[in-house]
Amino acid sequence: MTLLMNGTSTLTSSVTNIIESGFWIWIGEKEYFVPFSDYPSFKKATIDQILSMQIISPNQMRWEALDIDIELSSLSNPEHFPLHFIE
C-alpha cells in the first residue's frame, strides 16, 4: 500500500526556558539542553528566533531564520559528536 499524503505529526515540541548559558527544548516526552557554548550561533539570536523551532523529522529540529539544524542524538549523546559549531 502506498500513502498519497503524509500523516499529521504527533511529536510535540517547545522551548521551555532560556537562560544565560543556553536553553531547554521539550521534544516528545523528553527535555534537552542546548548550551550556547556548543551552539554559539544561538547566543546572539532573538527570543523569537529561538522559539521558532520546527521539527523536520523525529530526530531533527530546524531554526529556519538562523539556518541551524540540530539532531536530537547530538543533544542526548554529545560525547559522540565532538565537533562544535563555529560562528
PDB file of N, CA and C in Angstrom:
ATOM      1  N   MET A   1       0.847  -1.173   0.000  1.00  0.00           N
ATOM      2  CA  MET A   1       0.000   0.000   0.000  1.00  0.00           C
ATOM      3  C   MET A   1       0.895   1.240   0.000  1.00  0.00           C
ATOM      4  N   THR A   2       0.540   2.215  -0.798  1.00  0.00           N
ATOM      5  CA  THR A   2       1.285   3.465  -0.871  1.00  0.00           C
ATOM      6  C   THR A   2       0.389   4.596  -0.392  1.00  0.00           C
ATOM      7  N   LEU A   3       0.905   5.393   0.525  1.00  0.00           N
ATOM      8  CA  LEU A   3       0.151   6.541   1.005  1.00  0.00           C
ATOM      9  C   LEU A   3       0.387   7.722   0.083  1.00  0.00           C
ATOM     10  N   LEU A   4      -0.668   8.419  -0.247  1.00  0.00           N
ATOM     11  CA  LEU A   4      -0.541   9.575  -1.117  1.00  0.00           C
ATOM     12  C   LEU A   4      -0.209  10.840  -0.357  1.00  0.00           C
ATOM     13  N   MET A   5      -0.523  10.861   0.964  1.00  0.00           N
ATOM     14  CA  MET A   5      -0.260  12.046   1.785  1.00  0.00           C
ATOM     15  C   MET A   5       0.447  11.629   3.063  1.00  0.00           C
ATOM     16  N   ASN A   6       1.309  12.508   3.558  1.00  0.00           N
ATOM     17  CA  ASN A   6       1.938  12.263   4.850  1.00  0.00           C
ATOM     18  C   ASN A   6       0.898  12.437   5.939  1.00  0.00           C
ATOM     19  N   GLY A   7       1.065  11.703   7.036  1.00  0.00           N
ATOM     20  CA  GLY A   7       0.176  11.852   8.175  1.00  0.00           C
ATOM     21  C   GLY A   7       0.517  13.092   8.981  1.00  0.00           C
ATOM     22  N   THR A   8      -0.296  13.384   9.962  1.00  0.00           N
ATOM     23  CA  THR A   8      -0.072  14.521  10.843  1.00  0.00           C
ATOM     24  C   THR A   8       0.910  14.119  11.929  1.00  0.00           C
ATOM     25  N   SER A   9       1.890  14.947  12.181  1.00  0.00           N
ATOM     26  CA  SER A   9       2.878  14.661  13.212  1.00  0.00           C
ATOM     27  C   SER A   9       2.244  14.731  14.593  1.00  0.00           C
ATOM     28  N   THR A  10       2.568  13.758  15.431  1.00  0.00           N
ATOM     29  CA  THR A  10       2.092  13.768  16.814  1.00  0.00           C
ATOM     30  C   THR A  10       3.210  14.141  17.771  1.00  0.00           C
ATOM     31  N   LEU A  11       4.372  14.456  17.250  1.00  0.00           N
ATOM     32  CA  LEU A  11       5.516  14.835  18.061  1.00  0.00           C
ATOM     33  C   LEU A  11       5.370  16.284  18.498  1.00  0.00           C
ATOM     34  N   THR A  12       5.283  16.500  19.806  1.00  0.00           N
ATOM     35  CA  THR A  12       5.141  17.865  20.316  1.00  0.00           C
ATOM     36  C   THR A  12       6.509  18.419  20.686  1.00  0.00           C
ATOM     37  N   SER A  13       6.631  19.731  20.563  1.00  0.00           N
ATOM     38  CA  SER A  13       7.905  20.358  20.881  1.00  0.00           C
ATOM     39  C   SER A  13       7.684  21.783  21.349  1.00  0.00           C
ATOM     40  N   SER A  14       8.603  22.261  22.178  1.00  0.00           N
ATOM     41  CA  SER A  14       8.571  23.665  22.596  1.00  0.00           C
ATOM     42  C   SER A  14       9.877  24.021  23.282  1.00  0.00           C
ATOM     43  N   VAL A  15      10.193  25.298  23.255  1.00  0.00           N
ATOM     44  CA  VAL A  15      11.308  25.827  24.037  1.00  0.00           C
ATOM     45  C   VAL A  15      10.723  26.118  25.408  1.00  0.00           C
ATOM     46  N   THR A  16      11.293  25.513  26.456  1.00  0.00           N
ATOM     47  CA  THR A  16      10.696  25.645  27.784  1.00  0.00           C
ATOM     48  C   THR A  16      11.359  26.695  28.654  1.00  0.00           C
ATOM     49  N   ASN A  17      12.628  27.030  28.382  1.00  0.00           N
ATOM     50  CA  ASN A  17      13.318  28.011  29.215  1.00  0.00           C
ATOM     51  C   ASN A  17      14.572  28.491  28.486  1.00  0.00           C
ATOM     52  N   ILE A  18      14.878  29.766  28.618  1.00  0.00           N
ATOM     53  CA  ILE A  18      16.099  30.337  28.057  1.00  0.00           C
ATOM     54  C   ILE A  18      16.830  31.036  29.202  1.00  0.00           C
ATOM     55  N   ILE A  19      18.101  30.686  29.380  1.00  0.00           N
ATOM     56  CA  ILE A  19      18.922  31.314  30.414  1.00  0.00           C
ATOM     57  C   ILE A  19      20.221  31.794  29.779  1.00  0.00           C
ATOM     58  N   GLU A  20      21.081  32.386  30.570  1.00  0.00           N
ATOM     59  CA  GLU A  20      22.326  32.967  30.062  1.00  0.00           C
ATOM     60  C   GLU A  20      23.239  31.944  29.379  1.00  0.00           C
ATOM     61  N   SER A  21      23.207  30.692  29.811  1.00  0.00           N
ATOM     62  CA  SER A  21      24.118  29.685  29.267  1.00  0.00           C
ATOM     63  C   SER A  21      23.507  28.807  28.175  1.00  0.00           C
ATOM     64  N   GLY A  22      22.204  28.952  27.897  1.00  0.00           N
ATOM     65  CA  GLY A  22      21.575  28.137  26.858  1.00  0.00           C
ATOM     66  C   GLY A  22      20.073  28.089  27.022  1.00  0.00           C
ATOM     67  N   PHE A  23      19.477  27.085  26.418  1.00  0.00           N
ATOM     68  CA  PHE A  23      18.020  26.937  26.534  1.00  0.00           C
ATOM     69  C   PHE A  23      17.629  25.464  26.508  1.00  0.00           C
ATOM     70  N   TRP A  24      16.432  25.196  27.036  1.00  0.00           N
ATOM     71  CA  TRP A  24      15.883  23.851  27.080  1.00  0.00           C
ATOM     72  C   TRP A  24      14.792  23.732  26.037  1.00  0.00           C
ATOM     73  N   ILE A  25      14.745  22.556  25.381  1.00  0.00           N
ATOM     74  CA  ILE A  25      13.653  22.266  24.462  1.00  0.00           C
ATOM     75  C   ILE A  25      12.981  20.971  24.897  1.00  0.00           C
ATOM     76  N   TRP A  26      11.684  20.938  24.760  1.00  0.00           N
ATOM     77  CA  TRP A  26      10.897  19.756  25.092  1.00  0.00           C
ATOM     78  C   TRP A  26      10.483  19.120  23.778  1.00  0.00           C
ATOM     79  N   ILE A  27      10.895  17.858  23.566  1.00  0.00           N
ATOM     80  CA  ILE A  27      10.566  17.130  22.344  1.00  0.00           C
ATOM     81  C   ILE A  27       9.916  15.814  22.760  1.00  0.00           C
ATOM     82  N   GLY A  28       8.705  15.586  22.323  1.00  0.00           N
ATOM     83  CA  GLY A  28       8.007  14.356  22.688  1.00  0.00           C
ATOM     84  C   GLY A  28       7.784  14.293  24.182  1.00  0.00           C
ATOM     85  N   GLU A  29       8.508  13.428  24.855  1.00  0.00           N
ATOM     86  CA  GLU A  29       8.382  13.272  26.301  1.00  0.00           C
ATOM     87  C   GLU A  29       9.700  13.510  27.033  1.00  0.00           C
ATOM     88  N   LYS A  30      10.623  14.213  26.399  1.00  0.00           N
ATOM     89  CA  LYS A  30      11.937  14.422  27.000  1.00  0.00           C
ATOM     90  C   LYS A  30      12.395  15.865  26.804  1.00  0.00           C
ATOM     91  N   GLU A  31      13.165  16.362  27.784  1.00  0.00           N
ATOM     92  CA  GLU A  31      13.713  17.713  27.705  1.00  0.00           C
ATOM     93  C   GLU A  31      15.217  17.641  27.430  1.00  0.00           C
ATOM     94  N   TYR A  32      15.694  18.537  26.579  1.00  0.00           N
ATOM     95  CA  TYR A  32      17.103  18.595  26.185  1.00  0.00           C
ATOM     96  C   TYR A  32      17.626  20.004  26.427  1.00  0.00           C
ATOM     97  N   PHE A  33      18.918  20.103  26.791  1.00  0.00           N
ATOM     98  CA  PHE A  33      19.551  21.405  26.979  1.00  0.00           C
ATOM     99  C   PHE A  33      20.432  21.703  25.778  1.00  0.00           C
ATOM    100  N   VAL A  34      20.323  22.914  25.244  1.00  0.00           N
ATOM    101  CA  VAL A  34      21.146  23.381  24.119  1.00  0.00           C
ATOM    102  C   VAL A  34      22.064  24.459  24.670  1.00  0.00           C
ATOM    103  N   PRO A  35      23.329  24.113  24.977  1.00  0.00           N
ATOM    104  CA  PRO A  35      24.243  25.116  25.550  1.00  0.00           C
ATOM    105  C   PRO A  35      24.790  26.062  24.488  1.00  0.00           C
ATOM    106  N   PHE A  36      24.819  27.347  24.824  1.00  0.00           N
ATOM    107  CA  PHE A  36      25.384  28.335  23.904  1.00  0.00           C
ATOM    108  C   PHE A  36      26.870  28.078  23.650  1.00  0.00           C
ATOM    109  N   SER A  37      27.557  27.453  24.589  1.00  0.00           N
ATOM    110  CA  SER A  37      28.979  27.159  24.384  1.00  0.00           C
ATOM    111  C   SER A  37      29.188  26.168  23.242  1.00  0.00           C
ATOM    112  N   ASP A  38      28.251  25.237  23.043  1.00  0.00           N
ATOM    113  CA  ASP A  38      28.345  24.270  21.949  1.00  0.00           C
ATOM    114  C   ASP A  38      27.666  24.766  20.671  1.00  0.00           C
ATOM    115  N   TYR A  39      26.716  25.672  20.812  1.00  0.00           N
ATOM    116  CA  TYR A  39      25.953  26.205  19.684  1.00  0.00           C
ATOM    117  C   TYR A  39      25.954  27.730  19.757  1.00  0.00           C
ATOM    118  N   PRO A  40      27.102  28.362  19.500  1.00  0.00           N
ATOM    119  CA  PRO A  40      27.244  29.812  19.700  1.00  0.00           C
ATOM    120  C   PRO A  40      26.364  30.669  18.793  1.00  0.00           C
ATOM    121  N   SER A  41      25.881  30.138  17.700  1.00  0.00           N
ATOM    122  CA  SER A  41      25.011  30.925  16.822  1.00  0.00           C
ATOM    123  C   SER A  41      23.714  31.330  17.509  1.00  0.00           C
ATOM    124  N   PHE A  42      23.313  30.572  18.521  1.00  0.00           N
ATOM    125  CA  PHE A  42      22.095  30.912  19.259  1.00  0.00           C
ATOM    126  C   PHE A  42      22.306  32.056  20.247  1.00  0.00           C
ATOM    127  N   LYS A  43      23.547  32.293  20.663  1.00  0.00           N
ATOM    128  CA  LYS A  43      23.811  33.274  21.715  1.00  0.00           C
ATOM    129  C   LYS A  43      23.358  34.686  21.319  1.00  0.00           C
ATOM    130  N   LYS A  44      23.488  35.046  20.054  1.00  0.00           N
ATOM    131  CA  LYS A  44      23.085  36.377  19.587  1.00  0.00           C
ATOM    132  C   LYS A  44      21.687  36.374  18.974  1.00  0.00           C
ATOM    133  N   ALA A  45      21.023  35.227  18.984  1.00  0.00           N
ATOM    134  CA  ALA A  45      19.684  35.126  18.403  1.00  0.00           C
ATOM    135  C   ALA A  45      18.664  35.816  19.292  1.00  0.00           C
ATOM    136  N   THR A  46      17.588  36.276  18.679  1.00  0.00           N
ATOM    137  CA  THR A  46      16.497  36.857  19.461  1.00  0.00           C
ATOM    138  C   THR A  46      15.659  35.729  20.068  1.00  0.00           C
ATOM    139  N   ILE A  47      14.863  36.077  21.042  1.00  0.00           N
ATOM    140  CA  ILE A  47      13.972  35.083  21.652  1.00  0.00           C
ATOM    141  C   ILE A  47      13.034  34.517  20.594  1.00  0.00           C
ATOM    142  N   ASP A  48      12.488  35.374  19.750  1.00  0.00           N
ATOM    143  CA  ASP A  48      11.587  34.906  18.686  1.00  0.00           C
ATOM    144  C   ASP A  48      12.282  33.913  17.756  1.00  0.00           C
ATOM    145  N   GLN A  49      13.553  34.162  17.440  1.00  0.00           N
ATOM    146  CA  GLN A  49      14.285  33.235  16.576  1.00  0.00           C
ATOM    147  C   GLN A  49      14.481  31.889  17.251  1.00  0.00           C
ATOM    148  N   ILE A  50      14.782  31.891  18.540  1.00  0.00           N
ATOM    149  CA  ILE A  50      14.953  30.625  19.269  1.00  0.00           C
ATOM    150  C   ILE A  50      13.620  29.892  19.382  1.00  0.00           C
ATOM    151  N   LEU A  51      12.555  30.621  19.613  1.00  0.00           N
ATOM    152  CA  LEU A  51      11.241  29.999  19.759  1.00  0.00           C
ATOM    153  C   LEU A  51      10.687  29.456  18.443  1.00  0.00           C
ATOM    154  N   SER A  52      11.255  29.852  17.324  1.00  0.00           N
ATOM    155  CA  SER A  52      10.722  29.435  16.022  1.00  0.00           C
ATOM    156  C   SER A  52      11.241  28.073  15.565  1.00  0.00           C
ATOM    157  N   MET A  53      11.465  27.176  16.496  1.00  0.00           N
ATOM    158  CA  MET A  53      11.953  25.833  16.207  1.00  0.00           C
ATOM    159  C   MET A  53      10.900  25.035  15.445  1.00  0.00           C
ATOM    160  N   GLN A  54      11.346  24.278  14.466  1.00  0.00           N
ATOM    161  CA  GLN A  54      10.479  23.384  13.704  1.00  0.00           C
ATOM    162  C   GLN A  54      11.026  21.970  13.809  1.00  0.00           C
ATOM    163  N   ILE A  55      10.150  20.999  13.919  1.00  0.00           N
ATOM    164  CA  ILE A  55      10.551  19.593  13.873  1.00  0.00           C
ATOM    165  C   ILE A  55      10.493  19.178  12.408  1.00  0.00           C
ATOM    166  N   ILE A  56      11.632  18.775  11.844  1.00  0.00           N
ATOM    167  CA  ILE A  56      11.631  18.375  10.437  1.00  0.00           C
ATOM    168  C   ILE A  56      11.720  16.861  10.268  1.00  0.00           C
ATOM    169  N   SER A  57      12.028  16.150  11.339  1.00  0.00           N
ATOM    170  CA  SER A  57      11.984  14.687  11.365  1.00  0.00           C
ATOM    171  C   SER A  57      11.946  14.285  12.840  1.00  0.00           C
ATOM    172  N   PRO A  58      11.666  13.031  13.138  1.00  0.00           N
ATOM    173  CA  PRO A  58      11.610  12.632  14.550  1.00  0.00           C
ATOM    174  C   PRO A  58      12.920  12.854  15.316  1.00  0.00           C
ATOM    175  N   ASN A  59      14.021  13.049  14.599  1.00  0.00           N
ATOM    176  CA  ASN A  59      15.312  13.233  15.264  1.00  0.00           C
ATOM    177  C   ASN A  59      15.985  14.563  14.900  1.00  0.00           C
ATOM    178  N   GLN A  60      15.276  15.472  14.250  1.00  0.00           N
ATOM    179  CA  GLN A  60      15.945  16.697  13.804  1.00  0.00           C
ATOM    180  C   GLN A  60      15.050  17.922  13.936  1.00  0.00           C
ATOM    181  N   MET A  61      15.658  18.994  14.481  1.00  0.00           N
ATOM    182  CA  MET A  61      14.980  20.286  14.600  1.00  0.00           C
ATOM    183  C   MET A  61      15.656  21.279  13.669  1.00  0.00           C
ATOM    184  N   ARG A  62      14.890  22.310  13.282  1.00  0.00           N
ATOM    185  CA  ARG A  62      15.431  23.350  12.401  1.00  0.00           C
ATOM    186  C   ARG A  62      14.967  24.714  12.876  1.00  0.00           C
ATOM    187  N   TRP A  63      15.898  25.660  12.824  1.00  0.00           N
ATOM    188  CA  TRP A  63      15.619  27.066  13.063  1.00  0.00           C
ATOM    189  C   TRP A  63      15.891  27.774  11.741  1.00  0.00           C
ATOM    190  N   GLU A  64      14.857  27.970  10.963  1.00  0.00           N
ATOM    191  CA  GLU A  64      14.976  28.496   9.597  1.00  0.00           C
ATOM    192  C   GLU A  64      15.661  29.856   9.557  1.00  0.00           C
ATOM    193  N   ALA A  65      15.234  30.799  10.390  1.00  0.00           N
ATOM    194  CA  ALA A  65      15.787  32.158  10.367  1.00  0.00           C
ATOM    195  C   ALA A  65      17.270  32.180  10.715  1.00  0.00           C
ATOM    196  N   LEU A  66      17.732  31.195  11.481  1.00  0.00           N
ATOM    197  CA  LEU A  66      19.137  31.136  11.880  1.00  0.00           C
ATOM    198  C   LEU A  66      19.948  30.168  11.020  1.00  0.00           C
ATOM    199  N   ASP A  67      19.272  29.426  10.138  1.00  0.00           N
ATOM    200  CA  ASP A  67      19.903  28.412   9.296  1.00  0.00           C
ATOM    201  C   ASP A  67      20.669  27.395  10.147  1.00  0.00           C
ATOM    202  N   ILE A  68      19.986  26.870  11.186  1.00  0.00           N
ATOM    203  CA  ILE A  68      20.587  25.902  12.104  1.00  0.00           C
ATOM    204  C   ILE A  68      19.713  24.661  12.153  1.00  0.00           C
ATOM    205  N   ASP A  69      20.347  23.489  12.017  1.00  0.00           N
ATOM    206  CA  ASP A  69      19.695  22.195  12.220  1.00  0.00           C
ATOM    207  C   ASP A  69      20.439  21.481  13.339  1.00  0.00           C
ATOM    208  N   ILE A  70      19.703  20.811  14.211  1.00  0.00           N
ATOM    209  CA  ILE A  70      20.318  20.029  15.284  1.00  0.00           C
ATOM    210  C   ILE A  70      19.621  18.678  15.359  1.00  0.00           C
ATOM    211  N   GLU A  71      20.398  17.616  15.463  1.00  0.00           N
ATOM    212  CA  GLU A  71      19.840  16.286  15.670  1.00  0.00           C
ATOM    213  C   GLU A  71      19.746  16.015  17.167  1.00  0.00           C
ATOM    214  N   LEU A  72      18.650  15.383  17.579  1.00  0.00           N
ATOM    215  CA  LEU A  72      18.464  15.062  18.999  1.00  0.00           C
ATOM    216  C   LEU A  72      19.589  14.194  19.537  1.00  0.00           C
ATOM    217  N   SER A  73      20.106  13.300  18.712  1.00  0.00           N
ATOM    218  CA  SER A  73      21.182  12.422  19.187  1.00  0.00           C
ATOM    219  C   SER A  73      22.415  13.221  19.596  1.00  0.00           C
ATOM    220  N   SER A  74      22.649  14.387  18.992  1.00  0.00           N
ATOM    221  CA  SER A  74      23.804  15.201  19.393  1.00  0.00           C
ATOM    222  C   SER A  74      23.569  15.867  20.743  1.00  0.00           C
ATOM    223  N   LEU A  75      22.303  16.060  21.129  1.00  0.00           N
ATOM    224  CA  LEU A  75      21.992  16.614  22.448  1.00  0.00           C
ATOM    225  C   LEU A  75      21.939  15.512  23.503  1.00  0.00           C
ATOM    226  N   SER A  76      21.471  14.323  23.107  1.00  0.00           N
ATOM    227  CA  SER A  76      21.387  13.190  24.037  1.00  0.00           C
ATOM    228  C   SER A  76      22.759  12.615  24.363  1.00  0.00           C
ATOM    229  N   ASN A  77      23.622  12.572  23.356  1.00  0.00           N
ATOM    230  CA  ASN A  77      24.948  11.955  23.496  1.00  0.00           C
ATOM    231  C   ASN A  77      26.019  12.860  22.904  1.00  0.00           C
ATOM    232  N   PRO A  78      26.267  14.010  23.527  1.00  0.00           N
ATOM    233  CA  PRO A  78      27.237  14.951  22.938  1.00  0.00           C
ATOM    234  C   PRO A  78      28.645  14.375  22.815  1.00  0.00           C
ATOM    235  N   GLU A  79      28.968  13.389  23.625  1.00  0.00           N
ATOM    236  CA  GLU A  79      30.309  12.788  23.542  1.00  0.00           C
ATOM    237  C   GLU A  79      30.530  12.065  22.222  1.00  0.00           C
ATOM    238  N   HIS A  80      29.471  11.706  21.516  1.00  0.00           N
ATOM    239  CA  HIS A  80      29.588  11.051  20.213  1.00  0.00           C
ATOM    240  C   HIS A  80      29.730  12.056  19.077  1.00  0.00           C
ATOM    241  N   PHE A  81      29.607  13.346  19.402  1.00  0.00           N
ATOM    242  CA  PHE A  81      29.666  14.417  18.394  1.00  0.00           C
ATOM    243  C   PHE A  81      30.667  15.474  18.854  1.00  0.00           C
ATOM    244  N   PRO A  82      31.974  15.185  18.717  1.00  0.00           N
ATOM    245  CA  PRO A  82      32.998  16.102  19.251  1.00  0.00           C
ATOM    246  C   PRO A  82      33.161  17.401  18.493  1.00  0.00           C
ATOM    247  N   LEU A  83      32.621  17.505  17.281  1.00  0.00           N
ATOM    248  CA  LEU A  83      32.770  18.737  16.522  1.00  0.00           C
ATOM    249  C   LEU A  83      31.808  19.781  17.054  1.00  0.00           C
ATOM    250  N   HIS A  84      32.200  21.046  17.014  1.00  0.00           N
ATOM    251  CA  HIS A  84      31.368  22.124  17.504  1.00  0.00           C
ATOM    252  C   HIS A  84      31.125  23.129  16.385  1.00  0.00           C
ATOM    253  N   PHE A  85      30.036  23.845  16.495  1.00  0.00           N
ATOM    254  CA  PHE A  85      29.704  24.882  15.525  1.00  0.00           C
ATOM    255  C   PHE A  85      30.682  26.034  15.651  1.00  0.00           C
ATOM    256  N   ILE A  86      31.004  26.633  14.527  1.00  0.00           N
ATOM    257  CA  ILE A  86      31.888  27.797  14.506  1.00  0.00           C
ATOM    258  C   ILE A  86      31.088  28.962  13.941  1.00  0.00           C
ATOM    259  N   GLU A  87      31.213  30.103  14.576  1.00  0.00           N
ATOM    260  CA  GLU A  87      30.495  31.293  14.084  1.00  0.00           C
ATOM    261  C   GLU A  87      31.217  31.884  12.905  1.00  0.00           C
TER     262      GLU A  87
END
